[in-house]
Protein backbone atom coordinates (compact mmCIF):
# COMPACT_ATOMS: atom_id res chain seq x y z
CA UNK A 1 68.19 -22.52 -47.66
CA UNK A 2 65.44 -21.30 -50.16
CA UNK A 3 62.40 -22.73 -47.88
CA UNK A 4 64.12 -21.00 -44.57
CA UNK A 5 63.98 -17.63 -46.76
CA UNK A 6 60.84 -18.14 -47.74
CA UNK A 7 59.34 -19.01 -44.14
CA UNK A 8 61.14 -15.64 -42.74
CA UNK A 9 59.64 -13.72 -45.63
CA UNK A 10 56.14 -15.00 -44.63
CA UNK A 11 56.74 -14.56 -40.95
CA UNK A 12 57.58 -10.92 -41.92
CA UNK A 13 54.45 -10.51 -44.19
CA UNK A 14 52.35 -11.98 -41.54
CA UNK A 15 53.55 -9.69 -38.73
CA UNK A 16 53.21 -6.53 -41.14
CA UNK A 17 49.71 -7.50 -41.85
CA UNK A 18 49.02 -7.79 -38.27
CA UNK A 19 50.34 -4.81 -37.29
CA UNK A 20 48.37 -2.79 -40.06
CA UNK A 21 45.28 -4.60 -39.13
CA UNK A 22 45.59 -3.67 -35.10
CA UNK A 23 46.62 -0.12 -36.47
CA UNK A 24 43.26 0.25 -38.39
CA UNK A 25 40.95 -1.19 -35.36
CA UNK A 26 42.96 1.02 -33.04
CA UNK A 27 42.14 4.03 -35.13
CA UNK A 28 38.37 2.81 -35.52
CA UNK A 29 38.26 2.45 -31.55
CA UNK A 30 39.48 5.99 -30.60
CA UNK A 31 36.55 7.34 -33.04
CA UNK A 32 33.76 5.30 -31.12
CA UNK A 33 35.38 5.67 -27.92
CA UNK A 34 35.70 9.56 -28.33
CA UNK A 35 32.27 9.97 -29.57
CA UNK A 36 30.99 7.84 -26.61
CA UNK A 37 32.37 10.47 -23.94
CA UNK A 38 30.28 13.23 -25.88
CA UNK A 39 27.02 11.04 -25.77
CA UNK A 40 27.09 10.05 -22.18
CA UNK A 41 27.94 13.56 -21.15
CA UNK A 42 24.81 14.72 -22.81
CA UNK A 43 22.83 12.00 -20.89
CA UNK A 44 24.38 13.27 -17.67
CA UNK A 45 23.45 16.73 -18.73
CA UNK A 46 19.89 15.86 -19.50
CA UNK A 47 19.33 13.88 -16.06
CA UNK A 48 20.69 17.11 -14.21
CA UNK A 49 17.65 19.17 -16.06
CA UNK A 50 15.34 16.68 -14.64
CA UNK A 51 16.44 16.92 -11.02
CA UNK A 52 17.75 13.14 -10.84
CA UNK A 53 20.47 12.11 -8.44
CA UNK A 54 24.02 12.67 -10.00
CA UNK A 55 26.25 9.86 -10.70
CA UNK A 56 28.81 11.83 -8.51
CA UNK A 57 26.54 11.42 -5.35
CA UNK A 58 25.96 7.96 -6.12
CA UNK A 59 23.18 7.85 -8.21
CA UNK A 60 22.31 5.47 -11.24
CA UNK A 61 19.53 7.61 -12.88
CA UNK A 62 21.51 7.92 -15.93
CA UNK A 63 20.63 4.05 -16.81
CA UNK A 64 17.11 5.17 -17.50
CA UNK A 65 18.49 7.61 -20.29
CA UNK A 66 18.52 5.81 -23.59
CA UNK A 67 21.29 8.35 -24.91
CA UNK A 68 23.78 7.00 -22.05
CA UNK A 69 22.95 3.64 -23.24
CA UNK A 70 23.71 4.76 -26.97
CA UNK A 71 26.95 6.30 -25.65
CA UNK A 72 27.57 2.90 -23.81
CA UNK A 73 27.25 0.90 -27.14
CA UNK A 74 29.41 3.35 -28.71
CA UNK A 75 32.20 2.72 -26.01
CA UNK A 76 31.49 -1.04 -26.27
CA UNK A 77 31.94 -1.04 -30.07
CA UNK A 78 35.25 0.95 -29.52
CA UNK A 79 36.41 -1.14 -26.71
CA UNK A 80 35.57 -4.15 -28.63
CA UNK A 81 37.74 -2.85 -31.60
CA UNK A 82 40.46 -1.90 -29.19
CA UNK A 83 40.37 -5.54 -27.69
CA UNK A 84 40.67 -7.08 -31.21
CA UNK A 85 43.57 -4.43 -31.80
CA UNK A 86 45.60 -5.74 -28.80
CA UNK A 87 45.44 -9.37 -30.36
CA UNK A 88 47.10 -7.98 -33.53
CA UNK A 89 49.65 -5.27 -32.52
CA UNK A 90 51.94 -4.21 -29.50
CA UNK A 91 50.17 -2.66 -26.75
CA UNK A 92 52.77 0.22 -26.99
CA UNK A 93 51.33 1.09 -30.37
CA UNK A 94 47.50 0.34 -29.60
CA UNK A 95 47.26 2.51 -26.35
CA UNK A 96 49.01 5.93 -27.26
CA UNK A 97 46.76 5.89 -30.24
CA UNK A 98 44.02 6.67 -27.84
CA UNK A 99 45.01 10.16 -28.22
CA UNK A 100 42.95 10.12 -31.21
CA UNK A 101 39.82 9.83 -29.10
CA UNK A 102 40.73 12.96 -27.27
CA UNK A 103 40.63 14.63 -30.72
CA UNK A 104 37.48 13.24 -31.55
CA UNK A 105 36.21 14.30 -28.30
CA UNK A 106 37.29 17.81 -28.42
CA UNK A 107 35.96 18.38 -31.85
CA UNK A 108 32.43 17.02 -31.08
CA UNK A 109 32.37 18.70 -27.71
CA UNK A 110 32.82 22.15 -29.52
CA UNK A 111 29.74 21.09 -31.76
CA UNK A 112 27.48 19.40 -29.68
CA UNK A 113 28.51 20.71 -26.02
CA UNK A 114 29.18 24.11 -26.72
CA UNK A 115 32.69 23.94 -25.11
CA UNK A 116 35.14 26.22 -26.61
CA UNK A 117 37.79 24.95 -29.30
CA UNK A 118 40.06 28.16 -29.69
CA UNK A 119 43.26 28.50 -32.05
CA UNK A 120 45.38 26.75 -29.53
CA UNK A 121 42.93 24.00 -29.40
CA UNK A 122 43.06 23.48 -33.00
CA UNK A 123 47.07 23.46 -32.94
CA UNK A 124 46.70 20.95 -30.13
CA UNK A 125 44.60 18.67 -32.53
CA UNK A 126 47.32 19.07 -35.34
CA UNK A 127 49.65 18.07 -32.99
CA UNK A 128 47.86 15.24 -31.65
CA UNK A 129 47.68 13.82 -35.53
CA UNK A 130 51.61 14.53 -35.66
CA UNK A 131 52.42 12.81 -32.45
CA UNK A 132 50.16 9.72 -33.03
CA UNK A 133 51.81 9.32 -36.51
CA UNK A 134 55.51 9.61 -35.13
CA UNK A 135 54.27 6.84 -32.51
CA UNK A 136 53.14 4.60 -35.30
CA UNK A 137 56.25 5.15 -37.32
CA UNK A 138 58.63 4.20 -34.54
CA UNK A 139 56.24 1.50 -32.51
CA UNK A 140 57.57 -2.04 -32.41
CA UNK A 141 56.30 -4.07 -35.36
CA UNK A 142 56.18 -7.46 -33.88
CA UNK A 143 55.42 -9.37 -30.31
CA UNK A 144 57.57 -10.02 -27.79
CA UNK A 145 54.82 -12.75 -26.21
CA UNK A 146 53.28 -14.70 -28.93
CA UNK A 147 51.63 -17.59 -27.05
CA UNK A 148 49.89 -18.23 -23.42
CA UNK A 149 52.70 -20.39 -22.31
CA UNK A 150 55.11 -17.32 -22.57
CA UNK A 151 52.62 -15.05 -20.88
CA UNK A 152 52.14 -17.37 -18.04
CA UNK A 153 55.89 -17.26 -17.29
CA UNK A 154 56.15 -13.43 -17.50
CA UNK A 155 53.16 -13.15 -15.25
CA UNK A 156 54.64 -14.90 -12.31
CA UNK A 157 57.85 -12.69 -12.38
CA UNK A 158 58.39 -10.28 -9.49
CA UNK A 159 58.15 -7.24 -11.15
CA UNK A 160 54.67 -7.53 -12.60
CA UNK A 161 53.35 -9.37 -9.27
CA UNK A 162 54.37 -6.15 -7.38
CA UNK A 163 52.77 -3.77 -9.93
CA UNK A 164 49.54 -5.59 -9.69
CA UNK A 165 49.65 -5.52 -5.63
CA UNK A 166 50.54 -1.59 -5.85
CA UNK A 167 47.25 -1.24 -8.38
CA UNK A 168 44.94 -3.11 -5.79
CA UNK A 169 46.04 -1.47 -2.93
CA UNK A 170 45.99 1.98 -4.33
CA UNK A 171 42.65 1.30 -5.97
CA UNK A 172 41.06 0.16 -2.48
CA UNK A 173 42.63 3.32 -0.93
CA UNK A 174 40.78 5.48 -3.37
CA UNK A 175 37.57 3.74 -3.08
CA UNK A 176 37.39 3.58 0.76
CA UNK A 177 39.22 6.95 1.78
CA UNK A 178 40.65 9.36 -0.83
CA UNK A 179 37.60 9.17 -3.18
CA UNK A 180 34.96 10.10 -0.46
CA UNK A 181 37.38 12.63 1.00
CA UNK A 182 38.84 14.42 -2.08
CA UNK A 183 36.97 13.06 -5.05
CA UNK A 184 34.77 16.02 -5.92
CA UNK A 185 37.61 18.62 -5.14
CA UNK A 186 40.43 16.69 -7.22
CA UNK A 187 40.02 15.55 -10.81
CA UNK A 188 43.21 13.18 -10.20
CA UNK A 189 41.70 11.08 -7.49
CA UNK A 190 39.10 9.16 -9.59
CA UNK A 191 41.50 9.60 -12.83
CA UNK A 192 44.15 7.72 -10.87
CA UNK A 193 41.75 5.02 -10.16
CA UNK A 194 40.35 4.58 -13.69
CA UNK A 195 43.84 4.60 -15.22
CA UNK A 196 45.66 2.24 -12.76
CA UNK A 197 42.60 -0.29 -13.12
CA UNK A 198 42.49 0.35 -17.00
CA UNK A 199 46.31 -0.94 -17.24
CA UNK A 200 45.49 -4.11 -15.75
CA UNK A 201 42.26 -4.27 -18.13
CA UNK A 202 44.65 -3.81 -21.20
CA UNK A 203 46.94 -6.49 -20.03
CA UNK A 204 44.32 -8.95 -19.43
CA UNK A 205 42.76 -7.87 -22.82
CA UNK A 206 46.21 -8.61 -24.34
CA UNK A 207 46.28 -12.00 -22.64
CA UNK A 208 42.50 -12.92 -23.87
CA UNK A 209 43.34 -11.97 -27.27
CA UNK A 210 46.19 -14.38 -27.37
CA UNK A 211 44.04 -16.75 -25.82
CA UNK A 212 41.40 -16.56 -28.67
CA UNK A 213 43.92 -16.43 -31.50
CA UNK A 214 45.29 -19.93 -30.18
CA UNK A 215 41.81 -21.18 -29.97
CA UNK A 216 40.68 -19.80 -33.31
CA UNK A 217 43.86 -21.25 -35.07
CA UNK A 218 43.37 -24.65 -33.80
CA UNK A 219 46.53 -24.57 -31.93
CA UNK A 220 45.27 -25.13 -28.34
CA UNK A 221 41.75 -24.96 -26.86
CA UNK A 222 42.95 -21.96 -24.54
CA UNK A 223 39.50 -22.23 -22.83
CA UNK A 224 40.83 -25.01 -20.98
CA UNK A 225 43.66 -23.11 -19.26
CA UNK A 226 42.64 -21.36 -16.16
CA UNK A 227 44.64 -18.41 -16.96
CA UNK A 228 42.01 -17.53 -19.76
CA UNK A 229 39.41 -17.54 -17.07
CA UNK A 230 41.34 -15.17 -15.00
CA UNK A 231 41.56 -12.82 -17.99
CA UNK A 232 37.82 -12.86 -18.55
CA UNK A 233 36.95 -12.15 -14.80
CA UNK A 234 39.49 -9.25 -14.91
CA UNK A 235 38.35 -7.66 -17.59
CA UNK A 236 34.59 -7.38 -16.78
CA UNK A 237 35.69 -6.58 -13.07
CA UNK A 238 38.06 -3.61 -14.32
CA UNK A 239 35.64 -2.53 -16.83
CA UNK A 240 32.75 -2.17 -14.15
CA UNK A 241 35.00 -0.22 -11.83
CA UNK A 242 36.43 2.00 -14.65
CA UNK A 243 32.84 2.70 -16.07
CA UNK A 244 31.49 3.63 -12.40
CA UNK A 245 34.48 6.03 -11.53
CA UNK A 246 34.90 7.44 -15.23
CA UNK A 247 30.89 8.43 -14.93
CA UNK A 248 31.77 10.24 -11.71
CA UNK A 249 34.45 12.20 -13.03
CA UNK A 250 32.40 13.02 -16.05
CA UNK A 251 29.44 14.29 -13.83
CA UNK A 252 32.08 16.30 -11.71
CA UNK A 253 34.27 17.89 -14.19
CA UNK A 254 34.29 19.27 -17.76
CA UNK A 255 34.64 16.56 -20.63
CA UNK A 256 37.42 18.34 -22.17
CA UNK A 257 39.32 18.24 -18.93
CA UNK A 258 38.48 14.70 -18.04
CA UNK A 259 39.43 13.06 -21.58
CA UNK A 260 42.86 14.27 -21.83
CA UNK A 261 43.87 13.87 -18.14
CA UNK A 262 42.59 10.27 -18.28
CA UNK A 263 44.48 9.87 -21.58
CA UNK A 264 47.73 10.89 -20.12
CA UNK A 265 47.58 8.82 -16.91
CA UNK A 266 46.08 6.03 -18.44
CA UNK A 267 48.54 5.56 -21.48
CA UNK A 268 51.63 6.30 -18.99
CA UNK A 269 50.45 3.39 -16.71
CA UNK A 270 49.87 1.03 -19.77
CA UNK A 271 53.08 1.59 -21.31
CA UNK A 272 54.73 0.92 -17.83
CA UNK A 273 52.63 -2.16 -17.36
CA UNK A 274 53.48 -3.40 -20.95
CA UNK A 275 57.17 -2.68 -20.15
CA UNK A 276 57.06 -4.66 -17.35
CA UNK A 277 55.04 -7.83 -18.57
CA UNK A 278 55.61 -7.86 -22.17
CA UNK A 279 58.98 -6.09 -22.62
CA UNK A 280 58.17 -5.03 -26.15
CA UNK A 281 61.14 -2.64 -25.75
CA UNK A 282 63.87 -5.31 -25.97
CA UNK A 283 63.36 -5.48 -29.83
CA UNK A 284 63.27 -1.88 -30.36
CA UNK A 285 66.43 -0.01 -31.20
CA UNK A 286 67.31 3.16 -29.43
CA UNK A 287 66.26 5.51 -32.31
CA UNK A 288 62.76 3.82 -31.99
CA UNK A 289 62.58 4.22 -28.49
CA UNK A 290 63.52 7.80 -28.52
CA UNK A 291 61.07 8.35 -31.40
CA UNK A 292 57.88 6.75 -29.72
CA UNK A 293 58.77 8.81 -26.53
CA UNK A 294 59.03 11.88 -28.52
CA UNK A 295 55.86 11.23 -30.46
CA UNK A 296 54.15 10.35 -26.65
CA UNK A 297 55.67 13.72 -25.60
CA UNK A 298 54.16 15.64 -28.57
CA UNK A 299 50.85 14.19 -27.78
CA UNK A 300 51.04 15.26 -24.25
CA UNK A 301 51.85 18.79 -25.48
CA UNK A 302 48.81 18.81 -27.90
CA UNK A 303 46.77 17.62 -24.84
CA UNK A 304 47.86 20.55 -22.90
CA UNK A 305 46.95 23.18 -25.40
CA UNK A 306 43.79 21.55 -26.06
CA UNK A 307 42.63 22.32 -22.48
CA UNK A 308 45.01 24.72 -20.82
CA UNK A 309 43.81 27.72 -22.48
CA UNK A 310 40.41 26.51 -23.42
CA UNK A 311 38.61 29.14 -21.53
CA UNK A 312 40.31 31.89 -23.52
CA UNK A 313 39.04 33.61 -26.43
CA UNK A 314 42.03 32.85 -28.75
CA UNK A 315 41.58 33.21 -32.29
CA UNK A 316 43.06 34.63 -35.55
CA UNK A 317 41.20 37.80 -35.24
CA UNK A 318 42.24 38.50 -31.55
CA UNK A 319 45.50 37.93 -32.19
CA UNK A 320 45.69 40.60 -35.03
CA UNK A 321 43.90 43.03 -32.75
CA UNK A 322 46.62 42.25 -30.02
CA UNK A 323 49.54 42.67 -32.51
CA UNK A 324 47.85 46.10 -33.91
CA UNK A 325 48.54 48.29 -30.87
CA UNK A 326 52.24 46.97 -30.67
CA UNK A 327 52.69 47.58 -34.35
CA UNK A 328 51.27 51.04 -34.09
CA UNK A 329 53.24 51.68 -31.17
CA UNK A 330 56.35 50.63 -33.15
CA UNK A 331 55.33 53.02 -35.82
CA UNK A 332 55.00 56.25 -33.64
CA UNK A 333 58.23 54.94 -31.89
CA UNK A 334 60.15 55.06 -35.32
CA UNK A 335 58.34 58.31 -36.13
CA UNK A 336 59.36 60.20 -33.04
CA UNK A 337 62.88 58.77 -33.47
CA UNK A 338 62.98 60.12 -37.02
CA UNK A 339 61.92 63.57 -35.68
CA UNK A 340 64.55 63.74 -33.05
CA UNK A 341 67.18 62.60 -35.51
CA UNK A 342 65.89 65.65 -37.99
CA UNK A 343 66.05 67.84 -34.90
CA UNK A 344 69.61 66.77 -34.00
CA UNK A 345 70.73 67.29 -37.39
CA UNK A 346 69.26 70.65 -37.64
CA UNK A 347 70.85 71.44 -34.19
CA UNK A 348 74.20 70.06 -35.21
CA UNK A 349 74.08 72.21 -38.66
CA UNK A 350 73.17 75.38 -36.55
CA UNK A 351 76.04 74.90 -34.09
CA UNK A 352 78.38 74.19 -37.07
CA UNK A 353 77.21 77.58 -38.96
CA UNK A 354 77.73 79.44 -35.48
CA UNK A 355 81.14 78.09 -35.01
CA UNK A 356 82.12 79.21 -38.75
CA UNK A 357 80.73 83.03 -37.85
CA UNK A 358 82.82 83.00 -34.65
CA UNK A 359 85.80 81.84 -36.67
CA UNK A 360 85.49 84.77 -38.99
CA UNK A 361 85.01 87.11 -36.47
CA UNK A 362 88.21 86.21 -34.87
CA UNK A 363 90.21 86.33 -38.04
CA UNK A 364 88.83 89.69 -38.68
CA UNK A 365 89.95 90.90 -35.27
């Protein structure tokens, strides 16, 4: 009985340790990825000054810019930390914490790209941290899939197979039809492609992380399993597609718009894919599911505040100036009201005195 209790406690400690390792790696990943957007945007801006062929037009001149490679290195470190985080913590925790990269990107863009971060943007940053904290508190603390054998069974289920086929079909449609026709006018075209492909990247990273854990722990040589090589090929291919079309989006649209829109679509699709494949929600209570959902919606609202009003010059001084005329109007209205009240009282007193005089004259007669 005591040995069973000790094993249970050790498992709980192991899960808790893994959870916090994954949490720390996810936060570090957000910092590097958020900075990479700014660094790569600087490289694309510098390329435009030199008159090079833009990435949105199919050019690859940014490959000659060392700044772009620095941004790629930053993203590589962030993605590596993110990849390792998926091996330790559930995807439904790691992916939503990508909101912190939006916060980092917004703050750095205001400093180095001269993009505005007004009062509502700062409130959005605060809400972003609050929403991420809520997600952490209510996220699942243990894995539903712990080895490759279980993962093979779940990958073959009709729900996930259908999801993969839908992603492949939509990606091909965007690459060959919707992208050339509408990609330069509508930000959602390339973002949808990056997000849907990115959801498969996360699932592959999760599987590859499980394979590496089994190999390192000595339980099994995961590289003898064909599924591990499928994950490796899938990760490389999906990241290449994401990088190409994300560069096009960054070249066409403002960073502070691309980053949050990409976050919302990417996180939503990853949560859907994770729910279909790993079913982590099956071990969560109703309260935790609602809490995690509310945390995600808080983050979405934060991202909306960060970008919807970013062109407006909203700060504390402007708000005081906006409220001052209303305050003066209210004071003037109260003053006029007091004058009217005094005039009414004077008139009432005059009428009352006149009525007394008339009554005296009547009695005299």
